[in-house]
Amino acid sequence: MKNAFLYKKGEEVQLPEMVALGCHLWPQAYPCHIVSRAGFYAVEDDGIYVCLEADEPSPRAVYTKRDDPVYNDSCMEFFFQAFADDERYINFEINPNGAYLCAIGQDRSDRIFLKDKSACIPSVSAQKSADGWSAVLYIPEQLVSDAYGREFSVSDAEYIRANFYKCGDAAAQPHYSSMFWVETEQPDYHRPEYFHKIFFTTKGTIDDDQ
């Protein structure tokens, strides 16, 4: 994924193209691979919308509360760095119950829950079916602004740096995959050096060679 559509508020929105999380990470230790996909778009003066899908008919779904350790369940995740001149990044981790964890910091050990930074609440809706599960995450611009302590606007952001993940630390078959490669010896998604730029573009202006 190199680009994401940026819509004007009130404009008709089309569902984003779903891109496979095709990087099967640490396959020798964790041979299970769950087919999963992610896509997202943004709306001016509104925020970012992330769509997640996993072909996982019997997912582990134990946790039900905000900031529970949902990464132990079947989990899909979106990590992003909103500003090029700020090393902090936000992580959203979501399970099939729609329970989520979200925090900001520079690395794994330096995390502050977003509920301690903002009264603005993200929205997560999740659905389970016989074939798998999916979730839609809405991240208001105000939440990002509060987290960073500076104004964030998708219309002013040329791009964000991000990665999408699938995991299940305590699943019957632990598994790890991502959209962009993570080149570490052990499972570790808190590695922003492996984020990639995703450019915001208005419909009809995508340059595939960008």
Protein backbone atom coordinates (compact mmCIF):
# COMPACT_ATOMS: atom_id res chain seq x y z
CA MET A 1 0.00 0.00 0.00
CA LYS A 2 1.48 3.30 -1.08
CA ASN A 3 -1.59 5.52 -1.04
CA ALA A 4 -4.86 6.12 0.79
CA PHE A 5 -7.80 8.14 -0.44
CA LEU A 6 -8.55 11.48 1.17
CA TYR A 7 -12.21 12.46 0.97
CA LYS A 8 -13.90 15.77 1.63
CA LYS A 9 -16.43 15.80 4.45
CA GLY A 10 -19.83 14.85 3.08
CA GLU A 11 -18.36 13.28 -0.06
CA GLU A 12 -19.48 9.75 -0.89
CA VAL A 13 -16.92 7.31 0.46
CA GLN A 14 -16.02 4.04 -1.24
CA LEU A 15 -14.63 1.14 0.77
CA PRO A 16 -10.84 1.06 0.50
CA GLU A 17 -8.89 -1.52 -1.42
CA MET A 18 -7.96 -4.26 1.03
CA VAL A 19 -4.28 -5.19 0.87
CA ALA A 20 -2.97 -8.53 2.11
CA LEU A 21 -0.80 -8.69 5.20
CA GLY A 22 1.38 -10.97 3.17
CA CYS A 23 4.63 -10.88 5.14
CA HIS A 24 4.64 -14.10 7.17
CA LEU A 25 7.00 -13.20 9.99
CA TRP A 26 9.25 -15.59 11.94
CA PRO A 27 7.78 -18.62 10.07
CA GLN A 28 10.19 -21.21 11.44
CA ALA A 29 9.14 -20.60 15.03
CA TYR A 30 5.52 -19.72 14.14
CA PRO A 31 4.49 -21.64 11.00
CA CYS A 32 0.78 -20.75 11.26
CA HIS A 33 -0.26 -18.03 8.81
CA ILE A 34 -3.68 -16.39 9.09
CA VAL A 35 -4.77 -14.75 5.85
CA SER A 36 -5.64 -11.15 6.66
CA ARG A 37 -6.11 -7.80 4.94
CA ALA A 38 -6.17 -4.11 5.76
CA GLY A 39 -7.08 -0.84 4.14
CA PHE A 40 -7.79 2.72 5.19
CA TYR A 41 -8.91 6.15 4.07
CA ALA A 42 -9.22 9.62 5.60
CA VAL A 43 -11.88 12.32 5.64
CA GLU A 44 -10.97 16.02 5.88
CA ASP A 45 -11.88 17.69 9.19
CA ASP A 46 -12.81 14.27 10.53
CA GLY A 47 -10.19 11.56 10.83
CA ILE A 48 -8.79 8.22 9.70
CA TYR A 49 -10.79 5.05 9.05
CA VAL A 50 -9.02 1.66 9.17
CA CYS A 51 -10.65 -1.54 7.86
CA LEU A 52 -9.29 -4.91 8.99
CA GLU A 53 -10.21 -8.47 7.98
CA ALA A 54 -8.96 -11.92 9.03
CA ASP A 55 -9.90 -15.32 7.59
CA GLU A 56 -9.96 -16.86 11.06
CA PRO A 57 -13.14 -18.89 11.75
CA SER A 58 -12.45 -19.60 15.45
CA PRO A 59 -10.48 -16.66 16.78
CA ARG A 60 -9.41 -16.34 20.38
CA ALA A 61 -11.45 -13.50 21.91
CA VAL A 62 -11.08 -13.34 25.70
CA TYR A 63 -10.67 -9.65 26.47
CA THR A 64 -13.54 -7.15 26.45
CA LYS A 65 -12.26 -3.88 27.93
CA ARG A 66 -10.25 -0.94 26.62
CA ASP A 67 -6.49 -1.38 27.03
CA ASP A 68 -6.77 -5.05 27.98
CA PRO A 69 -3.82 -7.08 26.59
CA VAL A 70 -5.73 -7.88 23.39
CA TYR A 71 -2.50 -8.89 21.61
CA ASN A 72 -2.84 -12.22 23.45
CA ASP A 73 -6.12 -12.77 21.60
CA SER A 74 -6.51 -13.03 17.86
CA CYS A 75 -5.57 -9.47 17.08
CA MET A 76 -5.17 -7.01 14.22
CA GLU A 77 -3.14 -3.86 14.65
CA PHE A 78 -2.43 -0.48 13.08
CA PHE A 79 0.68 1.46 14.13
CA PHE A 80 1.35 4.91 12.69
CA GLN A 81 3.59 7.94 13.04
CA ALA A 82 1.59 11.10 12.34
CA PHE A 83 4.44 13.63 12.10
CA ALA A 84 7.74 13.22 10.28
CA ASP A 85 9.57 15.29 12.91
CA ASP A 86 8.25 13.37 15.93
CA GLU A 87 9.55 9.88 16.67
CA ARG A 88 6.50 8.92 18.73
CA TYR A 89 3.95 6.61 17.15
CA ILE A 90 0.44 5.47 18.05
CA ASN A 91 -0.50 1.79 18.25
CA PHE A 92 -4.04 0.48 17.93
CA GLU A 93 -4.56 -3.22 18.71
CA ILE A 94 -8.03 -4.77 18.24
CA ASN A 95 -9.54 -8.19 18.99
CA PRO A 96 -12.70 -9.86 17.57
CA ASN A 97 -14.78 -8.49 20.47
CA GLY A 98 -13.96 -4.93 19.42
CA ALA A 99 -11.84 -4.48 22.56
CA TYR A 100 -8.83 -2.33 21.80
CA LEU A 101 -5.59 -1.04 23.22
CA CYS A 102 -4.16 2.32 22.13
CA ALA A 103 -1.08 4.19 23.30
CA ILE A 104 1.66 6.56 22.15
CA GLY A 105 5.42 6.61 22.66
CA GLN A 106 8.82 6.24 20.99
CA ASP A 107 9.29 2.51 21.59
CA ARG A 108 7.86 -0.56 23.29
CA SER A 109 8.83 0.53 26.82
CA ASP A 110 7.79 4.17 26.40
CA ARG A 111 3.99 3.95 26.08
CA ILE A 112 1.24 6.21 27.43
CA PHE A 113 -2.37 5.14 27.03
CA LEU A 114 -4.34 7.59 24.89
CA LYS A 115 -7.06 7.70 27.55
CA ASP A 116 -4.50 9.53 29.70
CA LYS A 117 -3.85 12.06 26.93
CA SER A 118 -7.34 12.78 25.60
CA ALA A 119 -11.03 12.64 26.44
CA CYS A 120 -11.68 12.02 22.74
CA ILE A 121 -12.64 8.39 22.17
CA PRO A 122 -11.92 6.31 19.05
CA SER A 123 -14.64 4.11 17.61
CA VAL A 124 -14.21 0.38 17.00
CA SER A 125 -16.81 -1.95 15.54
CA ALA A 126 -16.11 -5.65 15.10
CA GLN A 127 -18.02 -8.51 13.51
CA LYS A 128 -17.52 -12.27 13.63
CA SER A 129 -18.78 -14.74 11.04
CA ALA A 130 -18.38 -18.41 10.18
CA ASP A 131 -15.44 -17.52 7.93
CA GLY A 132 -13.55 -15.05 10.09
CA TRP A 133 -13.82 -11.62 11.65
CA SER A 134 -13.41 -7.97 10.77
CA ALA A 135 -13.14 -4.60 12.45
CA VAL A 136 -13.45 -0.95 11.49
CA LEU A 137 -11.48 1.61 13.47
CA TYR A 138 -12.21 5.35 13.41
CA ILE A 139 -9.46 7.65 14.71
CA PRO A 140 -10.65 11.26 15.13
CA GLU A 141 -8.21 14.00 14.19
CA GLN A 142 -8.74 15.48 17.67
CA LEU A 143 -7.52 12.29 19.32
CA VAL A 144 -4.28 12.41 17.33
CA SER A 145 -3.88 16.12 18.09
CA ASP A 146 -4.33 15.53 21.82
CA ALA A 147 -1.94 12.57 21.81
CA TYR A 148 0.85 14.57 20.18
CA GLY A 149 0.05 17.90 21.80
CA ARG A 150 -0.09 19.65 18.42
CA GLU A 151 -2.71 20.03 15.74
CA PHE A 152 -3.09 17.13 13.34
CA SER A 153 -5.14 17.40 10.16
CA VAL A 154 -5.35 14.77 7.45
CA SER A 155 -5.75 17.53 4.86
CA ASP A 156 -2.38 19.00 5.92
CA ALA A 157 -0.57 15.68 6.20
CA GLU A 158 1.04 14.64 2.92
CA TYR A 159 1.60 11.17 4.35
CA ILE A 160 1.87 9.11 7.50
CA ARG A 161 4.32 6.31 8.24
CA ALA A 162 2.60 3.09 9.24
CA ASN A 163 2.39 -0.66 9.32
CA PHE A 164 -0.47 -3.15 9.73
CA TYR A 165 -0.16 -6.37 11.71
CA LYS A 166 -1.87 -9.67 12.54
CA CYS A 167 -0.91 -11.59 15.66
CA GLY A 168 -2.13 -13.90 18.39
CA ASP A 169 0.42 -14.29 21.16
CA ALA A 170 -1.69 -16.72 23.21
CA ALA A 171 -3.75 -18.19 20.38
CA ALA A 172 -3.87 -21.96 19.95
CA GLN A 173 -1.44 -21.40 17.09
CA PRO A 174 0.53 -18.20 17.69
CA HIS A 175 1.01 -16.29 14.44
CA TYR A 176 2.55 -13.10 13.11
CA SER A 177 2.23 -11.28 9.81
CA SER A 178 2.41 -7.73 8.54
CA MET A 179 1.90 -5.59 5.48
CA PHE A 180 5.53 -4.42 5.46
CA TRP A 181 8.44 -6.60 6.52
CA VAL A 182 9.77 -6.49 10.08
CA GLU A 183 13.34 -7.76 10.07
CA THR A 184 13.96 -8.72 13.69
CA GLU A 185 15.01 -12.07 15.12
CA GLN A 186 12.10 -12.25 17.58
CA PRO A 187 8.49 -11.01 17.32
CA ASP A 188 8.51 -7.25 17.81
CA TYR A 189 6.01 -4.90 16.18
CA HIS A 190 7.24 -1.85 18.08
CA ARG A 191 9.87 -1.09 15.46
CA PRO A 192 8.98 2.15 13.68
CA GLU A 193 12.06 1.87 11.47
CA TYR A 194 10.02 -0.65 9.48
CA PHE A 195 7.03 1.64 8.95
CA HIS A 196 6.42 2.75 5.35
CA LYS A 197 5.11 6.04 4.00
CA ILE A 198 1.46 6.00 2.95
CA PHE A 199 0.46 9.10 0.99
CA PHE A 200 -2.95 10.75 1.17
CA THR A 201 -4.33 11.39 -2.29
CA THR A 202 -7.62 12.63 -3.68
CA LYS A 203 -9.50 10.23 -5.89
CA GLY A 204 -8.16 10.02 -9.44
CA THR A 205 -4.68 11.35 -8.64
CA ILE A 206 -2.86 8.20 -7.55
CA ASP A 207 0.54 7.74 -9.13
CA ASP A 208 1.49 4.07 -8.95
CA ASP A 209 5.16 4.97 -9.31
CA GLN A 210 5.17 7.26 -6.30
